[in-house]
Amino acid sequence: MDLSTARRLSCGILILNPQHELLLCHVTGQDHWDLPKGGRHDGESPLQAALRETREETGLRLDAAALLELGRFDYRPKKDLHLFALLMPRFDVAQLHCESHFAQLGTGRRLPEMDGYGWFGFERIAELCTGKMSAVLHGRIDLPRLMRRLGPQGELALAA
């Protein structure tokens, strides 16, 4: 395979609540919000990567059995998304924290990848997320239909 044309894969989880809200994370130093997601490590499946990235970026330890696989989506010219979804009760986002950090350019100061969390109605996605993410969440995923698919059984989210 020609590595110059290889598409990277970012794996993440749409965390929804019964109030038809989506959990979003504010990206440190940026103007937008995003899903908890990120690249795979060597040997990781998309599911393992999505669970790890969600744990690192929110502190949530989720049960793999409660996730609904949504599949792979075109995202950027050289990157695809592999997404999963979960319905869970609304909780206070103040309990969330980011365990992964990066070095700030110029200062070397360690900053969390995500610096804020919120539950947002589906109608706010275009305003808060990048255009590419909004295109996936509104154009390729039918969020109201997804809510019906997940149903109340999707609320078995937190691992013991």
C-alpha atoms as a PDB file:
ATOM      1  CA  MET A   1       0.000   0.000   0.000  1.00  0.00           C
ATOM      2  CA  ASP A   2       1.242   3.502  -0.836  1.00  0.00           C
ATOM      3  CA  LEU A   3       1.624   5.208   2.554  1.00  0.00           C
ATOM      4  CA  SER A   4       1.176   8.647   0.993  1.00  0.00           C
ATOM      5  CA  THR A   5      -2.452   7.759   0.226  1.00  0.00           C
ATOM      6  CA  ALA A   6      -3.179   5.712   3.358  1.00  0.00           C
ATOM      7  CA  ARG A   7      -6.126   7.046   5.328  1.00  0.00           C
ATOM      8  CA  ARG A   8      -5.740   7.407   9.061  1.00  0.00           C
ATOM      9  CA  LEU A   9      -8.547   6.248  11.327  1.00  0.00           C
ATOM     10  CA  SER A  10      -9.931   8.143  14.299  1.00  0.00           C
ATOM     11  CA  CYS A  11     -12.250   6.176  16.612  1.00  0.00           C
ATOM     12  CA  GLY A  12     -14.823   7.662  18.937  1.00  0.00           C
ATOM     13  CA  ILE A  13     -18.119   7.387  20.754  1.00  0.00           C
ATOM     14  CA  LEU A  14     -21.308   9.419  20.476  1.00  0.00           C
ATOM     15  CA  ILE A  15     -22.629   9.596  24.037  1.00  0.00           C
ATOM     16  CA  LEU A  16     -26.299  10.558  24.015  1.00  0.00           C
ATOM     17  CA  ASN A  17     -28.839  11.018  26.783  1.00  0.00           C
ATOM     18  CA  PRO A  18     -32.651  10.584  26.871  1.00  0.00           C
ATOM     19  CA  GLN A  19     -33.071  14.388  26.629  1.00  0.00           C
ATOM     20  CA  HIS A  20     -31.744  14.175  23.031  1.00  0.00           C
ATOM     21  CA  GLU A  21     -28.421  15.741  23.900  1.00  0.00           C
ATOM     22  CA  LEU A  22     -24.916  14.795  22.808  1.00  0.00           C
ATOM     23  CA  LEU A  23     -21.868  14.938  25.069  1.00  0.00           C
ATOM     24  CA  LEU A  24     -19.196  17.148  23.530  1.00  0.00           C
ATOM     25  CA  CYS A  25     -15.692  18.004  24.712  1.00  0.00           C
ATOM     26  CA  HIS A  26     -14.132  21.439  24.214  1.00  0.00           C
ATOM     27  CA  VAL A  27     -10.784  21.156  22.434  1.00  0.00           C
ATOM     28  CA  THR A  28      -8.131  23.087  24.379  1.00  0.00           C
ATOM     29  CA  GLY A  29      -6.910  26.171  22.540  1.00  0.00           C
ATOM     30  CA  GLN A  30      -9.511  25.836  19.774  1.00  0.00           C
ATOM     31  CA  ASP A  31     -12.887  27.398  19.021  1.00  0.00           C
ATOM     32  CA  HIS A  32     -14.733  24.120  18.569  1.00  0.00           C
ATOM     33  CA  TRP A  33     -16.170  21.169  20.483  1.00  0.00           C
ATOM     34  CA  ASP A  34     -15.680  17.553  19.484  1.00  0.00           C
ATOM     35  CA  LEU A  35     -16.543  13.957  20.286  1.00  0.00           C
ATOM     36  CA  PRO A  36     -14.160  12.000  22.483  1.00  0.00           C
ATOM     37  CA  LYS A  37     -12.108  10.330  19.750  1.00  0.00           C
ATOM     38  CA  GLY A  38      -8.606   9.699  18.496  1.00  0.00           C
ATOM     39  CA  GLY A  39      -6.227   7.497  16.603  1.00  0.00           C
ATOM     40  CA  ARG A  40      -5.633   3.793  17.095  1.00  0.00           C
ATOM     41  CA  HIS A  41      -2.515   2.387  18.700  1.00  0.00           C
ATOM     42  CA  ASP A  42      -0.778  -0.547  17.017  1.00  0.00           C
ATOM     43  CA  GLY A  43      -2.845  -3.695  17.394  1.00  0.00           C
ATOM     44  CA  GLU A  44      -5.974  -1.917  18.663  1.00  0.00           C
ATOM     45  CA  SER A  45      -9.367  -2.575  17.166  1.00  0.00           C
ATOM     46  CA  PRO A  46     -11.596   0.440  16.456  1.00  0.00           C
ATOM     47  CA  LEU A  47     -13.675  -0.497  19.519  1.00  0.00           C
ATOM     48  CA  GLN A  48     -10.634  -0.672  21.799  1.00  0.00           C
ATOM     49  CA  ALA A  49      -9.367   2.674  20.469  1.00  0.00           C
ATOM     50  CA  ALA A  50     -12.765   4.356  20.944  1.00  0.00           C
ATOM     51  CA  LEU A  51     -13.013   3.099  24.537  1.00  0.00           C
ATOM     52  CA  ARG A  52      -9.434   4.153  25.348  1.00  0.00           C
ATOM     53  CA  GLU A  53      -9.781   7.595  23.778  1.00  0.00           C
ATOM     54  CA  THR A  54     -13.072   8.202  25.604  1.00  0.00           C
ATOM     55  CA  ARG A  55     -11.459   7.162  28.904  1.00  0.00           C
ATOM     56  CA  GLU A  56      -8.413   9.369  28.288  1.00  0.00           C
ATOM     57  CA  GLU A  57     -10.424  12.417  27.183  1.00  0.00           C
ATOM     58  CA  THR A  58     -13.335  12.216  29.658  1.00  0.00           C
ATOM     59  CA  GLY A  59     -12.391   9.788  32.432  1.00  0.00           C
ATOM     60  CA  LEU A  60     -15.439   7.635  31.546  1.00  0.00           C
ATOM     61  CA  ARG A  61     -14.955   3.884  31.635  1.00  0.00           C
ATOM     62  CA  LEU A  62     -17.639   2.485  29.385  1.00  0.00           C
ATOM     63  CA  ASP A  63     -18.876  -1.060  28.860  1.00  0.00           C
ATOM     64  CA  ALA A  64     -18.062  -2.257  25.340  1.00  0.00           C
ATOM     65  CA  ALA A  65     -21.186  -4.449  25.332  1.00  0.00           C
ATOM     66  CA  ALA A  66     -23.407  -1.345  25.639  1.00  0.00           C
ATOM     67  CA  LEU A  67     -22.032   0.281  22.474  1.00  0.00           C
ATOM     68  CA  LEU A  68     -23.749   0.253  19.101  1.00  0.00           C
ATOM     69  CA  GLU A  69     -21.289   0.196  16.197  1.00  0.00           C
ATOM     70  CA  LEU A  70     -22.146   2.864  13.626  1.00  0.00           C
ATOM     71  CA  GLY A  71     -19.267   2.049  11.287  1.00  0.00           C
ATOM     72  CA  ARG A  72     -16.706   3.963   9.274  1.00  0.00           C
ATOM     73  CA  PHE A  73     -17.346   7.425   7.809  1.00  0.00           C
ATOM     74  CA  ASP A  74     -15.422   9.660   5.431  1.00  0.00           C
ATOM     75  CA  TYR A  75     -14.201  12.593   7.501  1.00  0.00           C
ATOM     76  CA  ARG A  76     -11.267  14.435   5.973  1.00  0.00           C
ATOM     77  CA  PRO A  77      -9.214  13.857   2.816  1.00  0.00           C
ATOM     78  CA  LYS A  78      -6.761  11.610   4.665  1.00  0.00           C
ATOM     79  CA  LYS A  79      -8.806  10.571   7.703  1.00  0.00           C
ATOM     80  CA  ASP A  80     -11.889   8.444   8.371  1.00  0.00           C
ATOM     81  CA  LEU A  81     -13.943   8.110  11.544  1.00  0.00           C
ATOM     82  CA  HIS A  82     -15.056   4.807  13.061  1.00  0.00           C
ATOM     83  CA  LEU A  83     -17.883   5.610  15.440  1.00  0.00           C
ATOM     84  CA  PHE A  84     -19.894   3.884  18.127  1.00  0.00           C
ATOM     85  CA  ALA A  85     -22.911   5.170  20.047  1.00  0.00           C
ATOM     86  CA  LEU A  86     -24.283   4.851  23.537  1.00  0.00           C
ATOM     87  CA  LEU A  87     -27.357   6.112  25.367  1.00  0.00           C
ATOM     88  CA  MET A  88     -26.858   6.836  29.044  1.00  0.00           C
ATOM     89  CA  PRO A  89     -28.571   8.893  31.730  1.00  0.00           C
ATOM     90  CA  ARG A  90     -27.692  12.594  31.834  1.00  0.00           C
ATOM     91  CA  PHE A  91     -24.992  13.182  34.456  1.00  0.00           C
ATOM     92  CA  ASP A  92     -23.123  16.191  35.780  1.00  0.00           C
ATOM     93  CA  VAL A  93     -20.225  16.882  33.408  1.00  0.00           C
ATOM     94  CA  ALA A  94     -18.252  18.421  36.292  1.00  0.00           C
ATOM     95  CA  GLN A  95     -17.155  14.853  37.113  1.00  0.00           C
ATOM     96  CA  LEU A  96     -15.340  14.530  33.766  1.00  0.00           C
ATOM     97  CA  HIS A  97     -11.618  15.140  33.361  1.00  0.00           C
ATOM     98  CA  CYS A  98      -9.043  14.728  30.628  1.00  0.00           C
ATOM     99  CA  GLU A  99      -6.138  12.390  31.367  1.00  0.00           C
ATOM    100  CA  SER A 100      -4.258  13.048  28.113  1.00  0.00           C
ATOM    101  CA  HIS A 101      -2.065  16.127  27.723  1.00  0.00           C
ATOM    102  CA  PHE A 102       0.083  17.849  25.111  1.00  0.00           C
ATOM    103  CA  ALA A 103       2.960  20.341  25.352  1.00  0.00           C
ATOM    104  CA  GLN A 104       1.921  23.893  24.508  1.00  0.00           C
ATOM    105  CA  LEU A 105       3.997  25.361  21.691  1.00  0.00           C
ATOM    106  CA  GLY A 106       6.443  27.978  22.888  1.00  0.00           C
ATOM    107  CA  THR A 107       6.032  27.323  26.612  1.00  0.00           C
ATOM    108  CA  GLY A 108       6.229  23.539  26.844  1.00  0.00           C
ATOM    109  CA  ARG A 109       3.471  23.765  29.471  1.00  0.00           C
ATOM    110  CA  ARG A 110       1.394  20.556  29.669  1.00  0.00           C
ATOM    111  CA  LEU A 111      -2.252  21.166  28.793  1.00  0.00           C
ATOM    112  CA  PRO A 112      -5.174  18.728  28.688  1.00  0.00           C
ATOM    113  CA  GLU A 113      -6.436  17.822  25.210  1.00  0.00           C
ATOM    114  CA  MET A 114      -9.951  18.715  26.350  1.00  0.00           C
ATOM    115  CA  ASP A 115     -10.714  21.562  28.751  1.00  0.00           C
ATOM    116  CA  GLY A 116     -14.491  21.517  29.014  1.00  0.00           C
ATOM    117  CA  TYR A 117     -17.548  19.299  28.654  1.00  0.00           C
ATOM    118  CA  GLY A 118     -21.207  19.839  27.968  1.00  0.00           C
ATOM    119  CA  TRP A 119     -24.476  18.261  26.954  1.00  0.00           C
ATOM    120  CA  PHE A 120     -25.850  19.941  23.838  1.00  0.00           C
ATOM    121  CA  GLY A 121     -29.050  19.556  21.836  1.00  0.00           C
ATOM    122  CA  PHE A 122     -28.593  18.178  18.329  1.00  0.00           C
ATOM    123  CA  GLU A 123     -29.559  21.545  16.834  1.00  0.00           C
ATOM    124  CA  ARG A 124     -26.364  23.111  18.289  1.00  0.00           C
ATOM    125  CA  ILE A 125     -23.897  20.729  16.598  1.00  0.00           C
ATOM    126  CA  ALA A 126     -23.358  22.944  13.520  1.00  0.00           C
ATOM    127  CA  GLU A 127     -22.640  25.943  15.755  1.00  0.00           C
ATOM    128  CA  LEU A 128     -20.217  24.145  18.078  1.00  0.00           C
ATOM    129  CA  CYS A 129     -18.395  21.523  15.986  1.00  0.00           C
ATOM    130  CA  THR A 130     -16.211  21.872  12.912  1.00  0.00           C
ATOM    131  CA  GLY A 131     -17.935  21.763   9.550  1.00  0.00           C
ATOM    132  CA  LYS A 132     -16.512  18.302   8.867  1.00  0.00           C
ATOM    133  CA  MET A 133     -17.812  16.890  12.165  1.00  0.00           C
ATOM    134  CA  SER A 134     -21.166  18.575  11.678  1.00  0.00           C
ATOM    135  CA  ALA A 135     -21.396  17.006   8.210  1.00  0.00           C
ATOM    136  CA  VAL A 136     -20.930  13.549   9.749  1.00  0.00           C
ATOM    137  CA  LEU A 137     -23.308  14.109  12.665  1.00  0.00           C
ATOM    138  CA  HIS A 138     -26.050  15.766  10.629  1.00  0.00           C
ATOM    139  CA  GLY A 139     -25.469  14.512   7.105  1.00  0.00           C
ATOM    140  CA  ARG A 140     -24.483  10.889   7.571  1.00  0.00           C
ATOM    141  CA  ILE A 141     -26.003   9.977  10.932  1.00  0.00           C
ATOM    142  CA  ASP A 142     -29.696  10.451  11.654  1.00  0.00           C
ATOM    143  CA  LEU A 143     -29.463  11.290  15.356  1.00  0.00           C
ATOM    144  CA  PRO A 144     -33.218  11.070  16.144  1.00  0.00           C
ATOM    145  CA  ARG A 145     -33.338   7.646  14.449  1.00  0.00           C
ATOM    146  CA  LEU A 146     -30.204   6.628  16.342  1.00  0.00           C
ATOM    147  CA  MET A 147     -31.935   7.579  19.606  1.00  0.00           C
ATOM    148  CA  ARG A 148     -34.815   5.242  18.738  1.00  0.00           C
ATOM    149  CA  ARG A 149     -32.370   2.430  17.900  1.00  0.00           C
ATOM    150  CA  LEU A 150     -30.534   2.793  21.182  1.00  0.00           C
ATOM    151  CA  GLY A 151     -33.670   2.915  23.312  1.00  0.00           C
ATOM    152  CA  PRO A 152     -33.638   2.542  27.090  1.00  0.00           C
ATOM    153  CA  GLN A 153     -31.555  -0.649  26.942  1.00  0.00           C
ATOM    154  CA  GLY A 154     -28.605   1.526  25.907  1.00  0.00           C
ATOM    155  CA  GLU A 155     -28.412   2.980  29.390  1.00  0.00           C
ATOM    156  CA  LEU A 156     -26.142   0.202  30.699  1.00  0.00           C
ATOM    157  CA  ALA A 157     -23.092   2.326  30.132  1.00  0.00           C
ATOM    158  CA  LEU A 158     -20.628   2.436  32.992  1.00  0.00           C
ATOM    159  CA  ALA A 159     -18.428  -0.588  33.519  1.00  0.00           C
ATOM    160  CA  ALA A 160     -18.350  -2.073  36.994  1.00  0.00           C
END
